[in-house]
Amino acid sequence: MLTLRHSWIVGILGLALLAAAPASPAGKMSAAELDNFIETYYQHPRPELIAASIESVEAAGWVQNRAAGYVGFLSEILLANPPRMQDWRRLISRQDPALQEYLRPAFDLAISGGLLAGRRNPSPELTDLYWGAFFASGNPAYLEKLVQVLRFVDERRDQNLFFAGGTAKWSLVANAAKHPLVLGFLRDAAKSTDQRTGEIIQAMLKQAPEDVAREIRDVVDRQKAAGVWK
């Protein structure tokens, strides 16, 4: 399921940027404010601002460009704040029908126990869901889930599995540069995981996101030239 709705794929493949998000009305978060709120929430939890984030998420571009990210984020927020769930549900019921449909999976996930409950097939979308949930909670279990699929960067038959590994690798490198918790987790994981995954992580610790993006593009180009992938 490789579409522009997966933010990591957009970044990795260097696809054209979508139109900039319109300015937010007064009282709502701007795109930059919402990005910062989500990506640092685990450091400074402020559930009283979740309503503002819900009302801002569409204009800020998360629905169009990073669809799964906010769903993962909200699902974890709902799990952590059950007394507020009905208030937020009522707020969402007053939003545009398309936004209601977009946010419904967050409630489904929370009701079923969250992203850590049950087995899920690796995919780029799942990568985004895990990051959203991590930003909401700071739970390293989500980082472990991403580390577990790094081995798929060696996959050369199943394109979706390769992108699952590639998006996990790229996003871990990108976020390790901004989040000490992620960097520390990777350093520890390099010593405790299986040999191949440890080798991948050791290489990642010396790379910039653009290095990983270039590696992924090169693999895609070679596989397409060989007629293995479309």
C-alpha atoms as a PDB file:
ATOM      1  CA  MET A   1       0.000   0.000   0.000  1.00  0.00           C
ATOM      2  CA  LEU A   2       2.523   2.574  -1.214  1.00  0.00           C
ATOM      3  CA  THR A   3       0.755   5.893  -1.631  1.00  0.00           C
ATOM      4  CA  LEU A   4       1.404   9.533  -0.890  1.00  0.00           C
ATOM      5  CA  ARG A   5      -0.488   9.030   2.366  1.00  0.00           C
ATOM      6  CA  HIS A   6       2.648   7.439   3.837  1.00  0.00           C
ATOM      7  CA  SER A   7       4.929  10.257   4.965  1.00  0.00           C
ATOM      8  CA  TRP A   8       8.099   8.188   5.101  1.00  0.00           C
ATOM      9  CA  ILE A   9       7.638   7.036   1.504  1.00  0.00           C
ATOM     10  CA  VAL A  10       7.184  10.640   0.407  1.00  0.00           C
ATOM     11  CA  GLY A  11      10.456  11.586   2.100  1.00  0.00           C
ATOM     12  CA  ILE A  12      12.458   8.577   0.952  1.00  0.00           C
ATOM     13  CA  LEU A  13      11.530   8.583  -2.709  1.00  0.00           C
ATOM     14  CA  GLY A  14      11.828  12.332  -3.064  1.00  0.00           C
ATOM     15  CA  LEU A  15       8.330  12.748  -4.491  1.00  0.00           C
ATOM     16  CA  ALA A  16       7.083  16.249  -5.216  1.00  0.00           C
ATOM     17  CA  LEU A  17       5.867  18.106  -2.146  1.00  0.00           C
ATOM     18  CA  LEU A  18       2.143  18.447  -1.822  1.00  0.00           C
ATOM     19  CA  ALA A  19       0.563  21.874  -1.570  1.00  0.00           C
ATOM     20  CA  ALA A  20       1.353  23.740   1.626  1.00  0.00           C
ATOM     21  CA  ALA A  21      -1.294  23.550   4.319  1.00  0.00           C
ATOM     22  CA  PRO A  22      -3.505  26.634   4.593  1.00  0.00           C
ATOM     23  CA  ALA A  23      -3.153  28.919   7.572  1.00  0.00           C
ATOM     24  CA  SER A  24      -5.108  27.771  10.621  1.00  0.00           C
ATOM     25  CA  PRO A  25      -7.968  29.892  11.950  1.00  0.00           C
ATOM     26  CA  ALA A  26      -7.443  31.735  15.212  1.00  0.00           C
ATOM     27  CA  GLY A  27      -7.558  29.424  18.209  1.00  0.00           C
ATOM     28  CA  LYS A  28      -6.272  26.417  16.306  1.00  0.00           C
ATOM     29  CA  MET A  29      -2.710  25.153  16.007  1.00  0.00           C
ATOM     30  CA  SER A  30      -0.653  26.080  12.977  1.00  0.00           C
ATOM     31  CA  ALA A  31       1.009  23.260  11.040  1.00  0.00           C
ATOM     32  CA  ALA A  32       4.320  23.912  12.799  1.00  0.00           C
ATOM     33  CA  GLU A  33       2.678  24.094  16.221  1.00  0.00           C
ATOM     34  CA  LEU A  34       0.823  20.832  15.666  1.00  0.00           C
ATOM     35  CA  ASP A  35       3.964  19.071  14.420  1.00  0.00           C
ATOM     36  CA  ASN A  36       5.861  20.156  17.515  1.00  0.00           C
ATOM     37  CA  PHE A  37       2.959  19.285  19.818  1.00  0.00           C
ATOM     38  CA  ILE A  38       2.709  15.741  18.443  1.00  0.00           C
ATOM     39  CA  GLU A  39       6.410  14.974  18.150  1.00  0.00           C
ATOM     40  CA  THR A  40       7.237  16.145  21.679  1.00  0.00           C
ATOM     41  CA  TYR A  41       4.051  15.112  23.458  1.00  0.00           C
ATOM     42  CA  TYR A  42       5.713  12.238  25.334  1.00  0.00           C
ATOM     43  CA  GLN A  43       8.126  14.763  26.826  1.00  0.00           C
ATOM     44  CA  HIS A  44       5.433  17.281  27.793  1.00  0.00           C
ATOM     45  CA  PRO A  45       1.994  15.612  27.942  1.00  0.00           C
ATOM     46  CA  ARG A  46      -0.858  18.112  27.700  1.00  0.00           C
ATOM     47  CA  PRO A  47      -4.121  16.253  27.190  1.00  0.00           C
ATOM     48  CA  GLU A  48      -6.011  19.523  27.574  1.00  0.00           C
ATOM     49  CA  LEU A  49      -4.708  20.470  24.092  1.00  0.00           C
ATOM     50  CA  ILE A  50      -5.834  17.297  22.332  1.00  0.00           C
ATOM     51  CA  ALA A  51      -9.148  18.912  21.362  1.00  0.00           C
ATOM     52  CA  ALA A  52      -7.254  21.750  19.640  1.00  0.00           C
ATOM     53  CA  SER A  53      -5.076  19.223  17.847  1.00  0.00           C
ATOM     54  CA  ILE A  54      -8.140  17.351  16.561  1.00  0.00           C
ATOM     55  CA  GLU A  55      -9.582  20.587  15.204  1.00  0.00           C
ATOM     56  CA  SER A  56      -6.240  21.462  13.575  1.00  0.00           C
ATOM     57  CA  VAL A  57      -5.074  18.153  12.119  1.00  0.00           C
ATOM     58  CA  GLU A  58      -6.747  18.443   8.717  1.00  0.00           C
ATOM     59  CA  ALA A  59      -5.627  21.994   7.932  1.00  0.00           C
ATOM     60  CA  ALA A  60      -2.118  21.156   9.138  1.00  0.00           C
ATOM     61  CA  GLY A  61      -1.747  18.490   6.461  1.00  0.00           C
ATOM     62  CA  TRP A  62      -1.576  15.346   8.592  1.00  0.00           C
ATOM     63  CA  VAL A  63      -4.691  13.862   6.985  1.00  0.00           C
ATOM     64  CA  GLN A  64      -3.322  14.315   3.476  1.00  0.00           C
ATOM     65  CA  ASN A  65       0.390  13.660   3.954  1.00  0.00           C
ATOM     66  CA  ARG A  66       0.851  11.686   7.174  1.00  0.00           C
ATOM     67  CA  ALA A  67      -2.438   9.927   7.571  1.00  0.00           C
ATOM     68  CA  ALA A  68      -1.443   7.057   9.823  1.00  0.00           C
ATOM     69  CA  GLY A  69       0.780   9.151  12.078  1.00  0.00           C
ATOM     70  CA  TYR A  70      -1.971  11.099  13.805  1.00  0.00           C
ATOM     71  CA  VAL A  71      -4.192   8.015  14.022  1.00  0.00           C
ATOM     72  CA  GLY A  72      -1.435   6.192  15.916  1.00  0.00           C
ATOM     73  CA  PHE A  73      -0.892   9.247  18.096  1.00  0.00           C
ATOM     74  CA  LEU A  74      -4.561   9.636  18.973  1.00  0.00           C
ATOM     75  CA  SER A  75      -5.036   5.917  19.631  1.00  0.00           C
ATOM     76  CA  GLU A  76      -2.355   6.052  22.312  1.00  0.00           C
ATOM     77  CA  ILE A  77      -3.788   9.250  23.802  1.00  0.00           C
ATOM     78  CA  LEU A  78      -7.199   7.593  24.044  1.00  0.00           C
ATOM     79  CA  LEU A  79      -5.684   4.583  25.809  1.00  0.00           C
ATOM     80  CA  ALA A  80      -4.002   6.845  28.345  1.00  0.00           C
ATOM     81  CA  ASN A  81      -7.072   9.030  28.985  1.00  0.00           C
ATOM     82  CA  PRO A  82     -10.224   6.855  29.039  1.00  0.00           C
ATOM     83  CA  PRO A  83     -12.292   9.385  31.055  1.00  0.00           C
ATOM     84  CA  ARG A  84     -11.850  11.925  28.253  1.00  0.00           C
ATOM     85  CA  MET A  85     -12.631   9.550  25.386  1.00  0.00           C
ATOM     86  CA  GLN A  86     -16.333  10.409  25.153  1.00  0.00           C
ATOM     87  CA  ASP A  87     -15.660  14.156  25.180  1.00  0.00           C
ATOM     88  CA  TRP A  88     -13.224  13.776  22.288  1.00  0.00           C
ATOM     89  CA  ARG A  89     -15.633  11.482  20.449  1.00  0.00           C
ATOM     90  CA  ARG A  90     -18.362  14.140  20.729  1.00  0.00           C
ATOM     91  CA  LEU A  91     -15.939  16.773  19.444  1.00  0.00           C
ATOM     92  CA  ILE A  92     -15.058  14.593  16.453  1.00  0.00           C
ATOM     93  CA  SER A  93     -18.743  13.984  15.730  1.00  0.00           C
ATOM     94  CA  ARG A  94     -19.058  17.727  15.045  1.00  0.00           C
ATOM     95  CA  GLN A  95     -16.244  17.732  12.480  1.00  0.00           C
ATOM     96  CA  ASP A  96     -16.378  17.218   8.737  1.00  0.00           C
ATOM     97  CA  PRO A  97     -17.541  13.651   7.832  1.00  0.00           C
ATOM     98  CA  ALA A  98     -14.237  12.954   6.059  1.00  0.00           C
ATOM     99  CA  LEU A  99     -12.299  13.848   9.216  1.00  0.00           C
ATOM    100  CA  GLN A 100     -14.621  11.675  11.307  1.00  0.00           C
ATOM    101  CA  GLU A 101     -13.914   8.743   9.001  1.00  0.00           C
ATOM    102  CA  TYR A 102     -10.179   9.386   9.150  1.00  0.00           C
ATOM    103  CA  LEU A 103     -10.126   9.409  12.968  1.00  0.00           C
ATOM    104  CA  ARG A 104     -12.415   6.414  13.511  1.00  0.00           C
ATOM    105  CA  PRO A 105      -9.542   3.856  13.397  1.00  0.00           C
ATOM    106  CA  ALA A 106      -7.916   5.567  16.388  1.00  0.00           C
ATOM    107  CA  PHE A 107     -10.946   4.695  18.510  1.00  0.00           C
ATOM    108  CA  ASP A 108     -11.062   1.178  17.075  1.00  0.00           C
ATOM    109  CA  LEU A 109      -7.412   0.666  18.021  1.00  0.00           C
ATOM    110  CA  ALA A 110      -7.891   2.047  21.527  1.00  0.00           C
ATOM    111  CA  ILE A 111     -10.966  -0.085  22.189  1.00  0.00           C
ATOM    112  CA  SER A 112      -9.115  -3.215  21.026  1.00  0.00           C
ATOM    113  CA  GLY A 113      -6.162  -2.556  23.331  1.00  0.00           C
ATOM    114  CA  GLY A 114      -3.917  -0.429  21.137  1.00  0.00           C
ATOM    115  CA  LEU A 115      -1.218  -1.063  18.578  1.00  0.00           C
ATOM    116  CA  LEU A 116       0.735  -3.378  20.846  1.00  0.00           C
ATOM    117  CA  ALA A 117      -2.172  -5.800  21.128  1.00  0.00           C
ATOM    118  CA  GLY A 118      -2.129  -8.622  18.599  1.00  0.00           C
ATOM    119  CA  ARG A 119       0.063  -9.378  15.609  1.00  0.00           C
ATOM    120  CA  ARG A 120       0.309  -6.901  12.716  1.00  0.00           C
ATOM    121  CA  ASN A 121       1.852  -7.335   9.295  1.00  0.00           C
ATOM    122  CA  PRO A 122       4.821  -5.034   8.588  1.00  0.00           C
ATOM    123  CA  SER A 123       4.046  -2.149   6.243  1.00  0.00           C
ATOM    124  CA  PRO A 124       4.987   1.492   5.718  1.00  0.00           C
ATOM    125  CA  GLU A 125       1.606   2.491   7.162  1.00  0.00           C
ATOM    126  CA  LEU A 126       2.341   0.520  10.322  1.00  0.00           C
ATOM    127  CA  THR A 127       5.640   2.386  10.628  1.00  0.00           C
ATOM    128  CA  ASP A 128       3.713   5.660  10.718  1.00  0.00           C
ATOM    129  CA  LEU A 129       1.235   4.272  13.239  1.00  0.00           C
ATOM    130  CA  TYR A 130       4.066   3.172  15.531  1.00  0.00           C
ATOM    131  CA  TRP A 131       5.754   6.569  15.380  1.00  0.00           C
ATOM    132  CA  GLY A 132       2.518   8.357  16.204  1.00  0.00           C
ATOM    133  CA  ALA A 133       2.005   6.070  19.200  1.00  0.00           C
ATOM    134  CA  PHE A 134       5.612   6.533  20.302  1.00  0.00           C
ATOM    135  CA  PHE A 135       5.338  10.322  20.156  1.00  0.00           C
ATOM    136  CA  ALA A 136       2.231  10.090  22.329  1.00  0.00           C
ATOM    137  CA  SER A 137       3.736   7.793  24.944  1.00  0.00           C
ATOM    138  CA  GLY A 138       7.523   7.555  24.688  1.00  0.00           C
ATOM    139  CA  ASN A 139       7.050   3.795  25.008  1.00  0.00           C
ATOM    140  CA  PRO A 140      10.230   2.071  23.720  1.00  0.00           C
ATOM    141  CA  ALA A 141       8.139  -0.980  22.782  1.00  0.00           C
ATOM    142  CA  TYR A 142       7.254   0.916  19.609  1.00  0.00           C
ATOM    143  CA  LEU A 143      10.928   1.428  18.810  1.00  0.00           C
ATOM    144  CA  GLU A 144      11.470  -2.291  19.346  1.00  0.00           C
ATOM    145  CA  LYS A 145       8.703  -3.012  16.834  1.00  0.00           C
ATOM    146  CA  LEU A 146      10.544  -0.892  14.273  1.00  0.00           C
ATOM    147  CA  VAL A 147      13.898  -2.526  15.014  1.00  0.00           C
ATOM    148  CA  GLN A 148      12.316  -5.935  14.466  1.00  0.00           C
ATOM    149  CA  VAL A 149      11.579  -5.143  10.808  1.00  0.00           C
ATOM    150  CA  LEU A 150      14.974  -3.658   9.955  1.00  0.00           C
ATOM    151  CA  ARG A 151      16.051  -7.019   8.545  1.00  0.00           C
ATOM    152  CA  PHE A 152      13.660  -6.463   5.652  1.00  0.00           C
ATOM    153  CA  VAL A 153      16.065  -3.933   4.124  1.00  0.00           C
ATOM    154  CA  ASP A 154      17.678  -7.097   2.719  1.00  0.00           C
ATOM    155  CA  GLU A 155      14.396  -8.198   1.089  1.00  0.00           C
ATOM    156  CA  ARG A 156      14.533  -8.237  -2.715  1.00  0.00           C
ATOM    157  CA  ARG A 157      11.331 -10.026  -3.703  1.00  0.00           C
ATOM    158  CA  ASP A 158       8.468  -8.605  -1.638  1.00  0.00           C
ATOM    159  CA  GLN A 159       8.427  -4.862  -2.312  1.00  0.00           C
ATOM    160  CA  ASN A 160       6.105  -4.057   0.576  1.00  0.00           C
ATOM    161  CA  LEU A 161       8.352  -5.854   3.073  1.00  0.00           C
ATOM    162  CA  PHE A 162      11.369  -3.990   1.709  1.00  0.00           C
ATOM    163  CA  PHE A 163       9.584  -0.677   2.203  1.00  0.00           C
ATOM    164  CA  ALA A 164       8.578  -1.733   5.719  1.00  0.00           C
ATOM    165  CA  GLY A 165      12.251  -2.256   6.541  1.00  0.00           C
ATOM    166  CA  GLY A 166      13.363   0.803   4.622  1.00  0.00           C
ATOM    167  CA  THR A 167      10.859   3.171   6.204  1.00  0.00           C
ATOM    168  CA  ALA A 168      11.728   1.828   9.650  1.00  0.00           C
ATOM    169  CA  LYS A 169      15.430   2.410   8.962  1.00  0.00           C
ATOM    170  CA  TRP A 170      15.001   5.893   7.532  1.00  0.00           C
ATOM    171  CA  SER A 171      12.618   7.052  10.254  1.00  0.00           C
ATOM    172  CA  LEU A 172      14.783   5.667  13.076  1.00  0.00           C
ATOM    173  CA  VAL A 173      17.812   7.505  11.710  1.00  0.00           C
ATOM    174  CA  ALA A 174      15.839  10.725  11.231  1.00  0.00           C
ATOM    175  CA  ASN A 175      14.325  10.641  14.704  1.00  0.00           C
ATOM    176  CA  ALA A 176      17.533   9.552  16.443  1.00  0.00           C
ATOM    177  CA  ALA A 177      18.960  12.915  15.369  1.00  0.00           C
ATOM    178  CA  LYS A 178      16.149  14.734  17.219  1.00  0.00           C
ATOM    179  CA  HIS A 179      15.259  12.446  20.103  1.00  0.00           C
ATOM    180  CA  PRO A 180      17.959  11.258  22.562  1.00  0.00           C
ATOM    181  CA  LEU A 181      15.610   8.471  23.694  1.00  0.00           C
ATOM    182  CA  VAL A 182      15.621   7.025  20.176  1.00  0.00           C
ATOM    183  CA  LEU A 183      19.393   7.335  19.825  1.00  0.00           C
ATOM    184  CA  GLY A 184      19.997   5.656  23.174  1.00  0.00           C
ATOM    185  CA  PHE A 185      17.595   2.851  22.318  1.00  0.00           C
ATOM    186  CA  LEU A 186      19.394   2.162  19.039  1.00  0.00           C
ATOM    187  CA  ARG A 187      22.797   2.060  20.723  1.00  0.00           C
ATOM    188  CA  ASP A 188      21.512  -0.482  23.232  1.00  0.00           C
ATOM    189  CA  ALA A 189      19.675  -2.504  20.587  1.00  0.00           C
ATOM    190  CA  ALA A 190      22.808  -2.789  18.472  1.00  0.00           C
ATOM    191  CA  LYS A 191      24.381  -4.826  21.290  1.00  0.00           C
ATOM    192  CA  SER A 192      21.385  -6.962  22.236  1.00  0.00           C
ATOM    193  CA  THR A 193      19.644  -7.910  18.998  1.00  0.00           C
ATOM    194  CA  ASP A 194      20.518 -10.599  16.446  1.00  0.00           C
ATOM    195  CA  GLN A 195      23.751 -10.281  14.480  1.00  0.00           C
ATOM    196  CA  ARG A 196      22.345  -8.996  11.176  1.00  0.00           C
ATOM    197  CA  THR A 197      20.053  -6.439  12.788  1.00  0.00           C
ATOM    198  CA  GLY A 198      22.954  -5.324  14.966  1.00  0.00           C
ATOM    199  CA  GLU A 199      25.064  -4.780  11.838  1.00  0.00           C
ATOM    200  CA  ILE A 200      22.303  -2.724  10.254  1.00  0.00           C
ATOM    201  CA  ILE A 201      21.977  -0.567  13.374  1.00  0.00           C
ATOM    202  CA  GLN A 202      25.727  -0.033  13.652  1.00  0.00           C
ATOM    203  CA  ALA A 203      25.730   1.251  10.087  1.00  0.00           C
ATOM    204  CA  MET A 204      22.674   3.416  10.767  1.00  0.00           C
ATOM    205  CA  LEU A 205      24.422   5.132  13.672  1.00  0.00           C
ATOM    206  CA  LYS A 206      26.922   6.551  11.174  1.00  0.00           C
ATOM    207  CA  GLN A 207      24.362   7.635   8.599  1.00  0.00           C
ATOM    208  CA  ALA A 208      22.247  10.694   7.928  1.00  0.00           C
ATOM    209  CA  PRO A 209      18.641  10.318   6.749  1.00  0.00           C
ATOM    210  CA  GLU A 210      19.627  11.338   3.229  1.00  0.00           C
ATOM    211  CA  ASP A 211      22.164   8.482   3.123  1.00  0.00           C
ATOM    212  CA  VAL A 212      19.442   5.970   3.934  1.00  0.00           C
ATOM    213  CA  ALA A 213      17.081   7.580   1.417  1.00  0.00           C
ATOM    214  CA  ARG A 214      19.725   7.253  -1.291  1.00  0.00           C
ATOM    215  CA  GLU A 215      20.295   3.579  -0.435  1.00  0.00           C
ATOM    216  CA  ILE A 216      16.582   2.861  -0.687  1.00  0.00           C
ATOM    217  CA  ARG A 217      16.197   4.685  -3.999  1.00  0.00           C
ATOM    218  CA  ASP A 218      19.163   2.744  -5.396  1.00  0.00           C
ATOM    219  CA  VAL A 219      17.619  -0.599  -4.437  1.00  0.00           C
ATOM    220  CA  VAL A 220      14.267   0.400  -5.938  1.00  0.00           C
ATOM    221  CA  ASP A 221      15.939   1.534  -9.170  1.00  0.00           C
ATOM    222  CA  ARG A 222      17.917  -1.717  -9.475  1.00  0.00           C
ATOM    223  CA  GLN A 223      14.890  -3.910  -8.792  1.00  0.00           C
ATOM    224  CA  LYS A 224      12.784  -2.010 -11.315  1.00  0.00           C
ATOM    225  CA  ALA A 225      15.544  -2.190 -13.921  1.00  0.00           C
ATOM    226  CA  ALA A 226      15.715  -5.945 -13.356  1.00  0.00           C
ATOM    227  CA  GLY A 227      11.967  -6.251 -13.833  1.00  0.00           C
ATOM    228  CA  VAL A 228      11.416  -7.595 -10.307  1.00  0.00           C
ATOM    229  CA  TRP A 229       9.379  -4.625  -9.071  1.00  0.00           C
ATOM    230  CA  LYS A 230       7.037  -2.302 -10.944  1.00  0.00           C
END
